[in-house]
Amino acid sequence: MNEVKAETVQSVGSMVSTTAVPTGLRWQINLLEVRMVGWWAKNGITLLRLSLGLVFFWFGVLKFFPGASAAEALATHTISVLTFGHVPPAVSLPVLATWECAIGLGLLSGRFLRLTLVLLFAQMAGTFLPLAFFPHETFKLFPFIPNLEGQYIIKNLVLVSAGLVVGATLRGGRLLHDGGAADLAEATQARRVAFRERYNREP
């Protein structure tokens, strides 16, 4: 009887040990994911701002060199229509190049972000106008099949969204990767917003 009990205890112990290994492995994977997501939350906004700034600065510099930018003709044509032909490409292209470089430098440096984002959203609004102004130049089949120029424009939706995310941190906001911490932060934020609206001052 004692031998049977011993064998039973041993078998149960071996089962516990074998199930403990996957549990431990799952926990290690969970910790790794927490660290990884935490790093994303800590650095993601900064990386987004820098990559967005690099894109604007790079594309802006290209516009200083005639023929180097794929969007050159479409951009100058749009500005010509908006200004009723009063601003020729020789003027509009350097202005647009300077505008985009200013956005890029603002994002890369992290300075004057409010003004930078105003410039960004204004410029982005203009980039979508060719879809309405020149559908024959931006679509193979309007409005479902954009050509390469149309796709180039539509992808700007991602840049606009990136600008919104960067703009959401203007007042010191940050990403939180922990759901519980995020819930608590949202509740605190709601109380602070209600305080501002009721008393017209900072809490």
Protein backbone atom coordinates (compact mmCIF):
# COMPACT_ATOMS: atom_id res chain seq x y z
CA MET A 1 0.00 0.00 0.00
CA ASN A 2 2.81 2.37 0.92
CA GLU A 3 4.52 1.61 -2.37
CA VAL A 4 1.32 2.46 -4.24
CA LYS A 5 1.02 5.72 -2.36
CA ALA A 6 4.63 6.58 -3.07
CA GLU A 7 4.17 5.88 -6.76
CA THR A 8 1.01 8.00 -6.78
CA VAL A 9 2.75 10.92 -5.06
CA GLN A 10 5.69 10.61 -7.44
CA SER A 11 3.43 10.59 -10.49
CA VAL A 12 1.50 13.60 -9.22
CA GLY A 13 4.76 15.41 -8.52
CA SER A 14 6.02 14.72 -12.00
CA MET A 15 2.74 16.04 -13.45
CA VAL A 16 3.06 19.23 -11.42
CA SER A 17 6.64 19.71 -12.53
CA THR A 18 5.80 19.17 -16.21
CA THR A 19 2.87 21.62 -16.07
CA ALA A 20 5.00 24.13 -14.18
CA VAL A 21 7.46 24.41 -17.05
CA PRO A 22 4.94 25.72 -19.62
CA THR A 23 3.45 28.02 -16.98
CA GLY A 24 6.88 29.42 -16.23
CA LEU A 25 7.61 29.75 -19.93
CA ARG A 26 4.34 31.57 -20.52
CA TRP A 27 5.19 33.96 -17.69
CA GLN A 28 8.62 34.64 -19.14
CA ILE A 29 7.05 35.31 -22.53
CA ASN A 30 4.53 37.59 -20.83
CA LEU A 31 7.34 39.52 -19.10
CA LEU A 32 9.20 39.81 -22.40
CA GLU A 33 6.06 41.18 -24.06
CA VAL A 34 5.53 43.65 -21.22
CA ARG A 35 9.09 44.93 -21.58
CA MET A 36 8.79 45.13 -25.34
CA VAL A 37 5.43 46.92 -25.32
CA GLY A 38 6.70 49.17 -22.55
CA TRP A 39 9.65 50.18 -24.72
CA TRP A 40 7.28 50.89 -27.61
CA ALA A 41 5.10 53.04 -25.37
CA LYS A 42 8.09 54.92 -23.96
CA ASN A 43 9.81 55.59 -27.29
CA GLY A 44 7.10 55.19 -29.93
CA ILE A 45 5.92 58.81 -29.99
CA THR A 46 9.47 60.11 -30.27
CA LEU A 47 10.29 57.69 -33.08
CA LEU A 48 7.05 58.61 -34.83
CA ARG A 49 7.87 62.31 -34.58
CA LEU A 50 11.41 61.79 -35.87
CA SER A 51 10.38 59.55 -38.76
CA LEU A 52 7.61 61.97 -39.73
CA GLY A 53 10.08 64.83 -39.60
CA LEU A 54 12.58 62.92 -41.73
CA VAL A 55 9.95 62.23 -44.40
CA PHE A 56 8.88 65.88 -44.60
CA PHE A 57 12.43 67.22 -44.61
CA TRP A 58 13.64 64.70 -47.18
CA PHE A 59 10.71 65.24 -49.54
CA GLY A 60 10.99 68.99 -49.04
CA VAL A 61 14.65 69.05 -50.00
CA LEU A 62 13.87 67.12 -53.19
CA LYS A 63 11.54 69.91 -54.30
CA PHE A 64 14.45 72.36 -54.38
CA PHE A 65 15.80 70.39 -57.34
CA PRO A 66 13.51 70.53 -60.40
CA GLY A 67 12.54 67.09 -61.62
CA ALA A 68 13.69 65.29 -58.47
CA SER A 69 10.29 65.02 -56.79
CA ALA A 70 7.58 62.73 -58.13
CA ALA A 71 4.91 65.09 -56.75
CA GLU A 72 6.37 68.23 -58.31
CA ALA A 73 4.08 68.60 -61.32
CA LEU A 74 0.90 67.74 -59.44
CA ALA A 75 1.77 70.08 -56.55
CA THR A 76 2.57 73.08 -58.74
CA HIS A 77 -0.51 72.45 -60.90
CA THR A 78 -2.69 72.43 -57.78
CA ILE A 79 -1.19 75.67 -56.46
CA SER A 80 -1.67 77.25 -59.88
CA VAL A 81 -5.37 76.36 -59.83
CA LEU A 82 -5.80 77.61 -56.25
CA THR A 83 -4.18 80.95 -57.10
CA PHE A 84 -5.95 81.28 -60.47
CA GLY A 85 -2.63 81.04 -62.27
CA HIS A 86 -1.04 83.98 -60.44
CA VAL A 87 1.70 81.87 -58.79
CA PRO A 88 3.94 80.12 -61.33
CA PRO A 89 5.81 76.87 -60.57
CA ALA A 90 9.09 78.79 -60.37
CA VAL A 91 7.70 80.47 -57.24
CA SER A 92 5.35 77.85 -55.78
CA LEU A 93 7.84 74.98 -55.82
CA PRO A 94 10.55 76.67 -53.69
CA VAL A 95 7.87 77.95 -51.32
CA LEU A 96 6.42 74.46 -50.95
CA ALA A 97 9.91 73.01 -50.49
CA THR A 98 10.66 75.53 -47.75
CA TRP A 99 7.31 74.83 -46.11
CA GLU A 100 7.93 71.07 -46.00
CA CYS A 101 11.50 71.50 -44.78
CA ALA A 102 10.25 73.77 -41.98
CA ILE A 103 7.77 71.09 -40.95
CA GLY A 104 10.51 68.48 -41.04
CA LEU A 105 12.93 70.54 -38.97
CA GLY A 106 10.22 71.36 -36.43
CA LEU A 107 9.40 67.69 -35.98
CA LEU A 108 13.03 66.58 -35.89
CA SER A 109 14.00 69.19 -33.32
CA GLY A 110 10.79 68.93 -31.29
CA ARG A 111 10.64 72.73 -31.06
CA PHE A 112 7.70 74.95 -31.97
CA LEU A 113 5.56 71.84 -32.34
CA ARG A 114 2.25 73.72 -32.23
CA LEU A 115 3.22 75.89 -35.18
CA THR A 116 4.81 72.90 -36.92
CA LEU A 117 1.62 70.87 -36.67
CA VAL A 118 -0.47 73.78 -37.96
CA LEU A 119 1.81 73.93 -41.00
CA LEU A 120 1.62 70.15 -41.36
CA PHE A 121 -2.17 69.95 -41.33
CA ALA A 122 -2.51 72.91 -43.67
CA GLN A 123 -0.06 71.35 -46.10
CA MET A 124 -1.74 67.96 -45.84
CA ALA A 125 -5.14 69.49 -46.61
CA GLY A 126 -3.69 70.85 -49.82
CA THR A 127 -2.20 67.52 -50.84
CA PHE A 128 -5.66 65.92 -51.11
CA LEU A 129 -7.05 68.56 -53.47
CA PRO A 130 -5.66 66.92 -56.65
CA LEU A 131 -7.97 63.96 -56.01
CA ALA A 132 -10.90 66.32 -56.56
CA PHE A 133 -9.28 68.76 -59.00
CA PHE A 134 -7.61 66.26 -61.31
CA PRO A 135 -9.31 62.85 -61.01
CA HIS A 136 -8.16 61.96 -64.53
CA GLU A 137 -4.56 62.40 -63.36
CA THR A 138 -4.90 60.61 -60.03
CA PHE A 139 -7.21 57.68 -60.81
CA LYS A 140 -7.32 54.89 -63.34
CA LEU A 141 -10.99 54.43 -62.45
CA PHE A 142 -12.53 57.12 -60.26
CA PRO A 143 -13.04 56.75 -57.33
CA PHE A 144 -11.95 53.14 -56.76
CA ILE A 145 -8.64 52.58 -58.55
CA PRO A 146 -6.03 55.29 -57.94
CA ASN A 147 -2.94 55.40 -60.11
CA LEU A 148 0.56 55.85 -58.69
CA GLU A 149 0.04 59.59 -58.12
CA GLY A 150 -3.31 58.91 -56.44
CA GLN A 151 -1.77 56.28 -54.18
CA TYR A 152 1.02 58.73 -53.33
CA ILE A 153 -1.64 61.19 -52.17
CA ILE A 154 -3.88 58.71 -50.34
CA LYS A 155 -0.98 57.45 -48.24
CA ASN A 156 -0.91 60.93 -46.69
CA LEU A 157 -3.79 59.76 -44.50
CA VAL A 158 -1.13 57.92 -42.51
CA LEU A 159 0.92 61.11 -42.17
CA VAL A 160 -2.14 63.02 -40.97
CA SER A 161 -2.86 60.31 -38.39
CA ALA A 162 0.76 60.39 -37.26
CA GLY A 163 0.52 64.16 -36.86
CA LEU A 164 -2.59 63.75 -34.72
CA VAL A 165 -0.81 61.26 -32.45
CA VAL A 166 2.19 63.57 -32.05
CA GLY A 167 -0.16 66.48 -31.44
CA ALA A 168 -1.91 64.56 -28.67
CA THR A 169 1.28 64.82 -26.61
CA LEU A 170 1.62 68.62 -26.87
CA ARG A 171 0.50 69.08 -23.28
CA GLY A 172 2.86 66.42 -21.94
CA GLY A 173 0.73 63.35 -22.65
CA ARG A 174 2.34 59.94 -23.04
CA LEU A 175 1.45 56.43 -24.11
CA LEU A 176 0.60 53.94 -21.36
CA HIS A 177 1.00 50.26 -22.15
CA ASP A 178 -0.62 49.01 -18.93
CA GLY A 179 -4.41 48.77 -19.25
CA GLY A 180 -5.07 49.35 -15.56
CA ALA A 181 -2.79 52.38 -15.45
CA ALA A 182 -4.47 53.73 -18.61
CA ASP A 183 -7.93 53.38 -17.06
CA LEU A 184 -6.79 55.24 -13.95
CA ALA A 185 -5.12 57.94 -16.05
CA GLU A 186 -8.26 58.39 -18.17
CA ALA A 187 -10.40 58.79 -15.07
CA THR A 188 -7.97 61.36 -13.65
CA GLN A 189 -7.89 63.16 -16.98
CA ALA A 190 -11.69 63.32 -17.13
CA ARG A 191 -11.81 64.91 -13.67
CA ARG A 192 -9.17 67.47 -14.65
CA VAL A 193 -11.04 68.34 -17.86
CA ALA A 194 -14.29 68.76 -15.91
CA PHE A 195 -12.48 71.02 -13.41
CA ARG A 196 -11.12 73.24 -16.20
CA GLU A 197 -14.53 73.54 -17.85
CA ARG A 198 -16.26 74.38 -14.59
CA TYR A 199 -13.75 76.74 -12.97
CA ASN A 200 -11.89 78.04 -16.06
CA ARG A 201 -8.47 77.39 -14.53
CA GLU A 202 -5.96 74.61 -14.13
CA PRO A 203 -6.61 72.15 -11.31
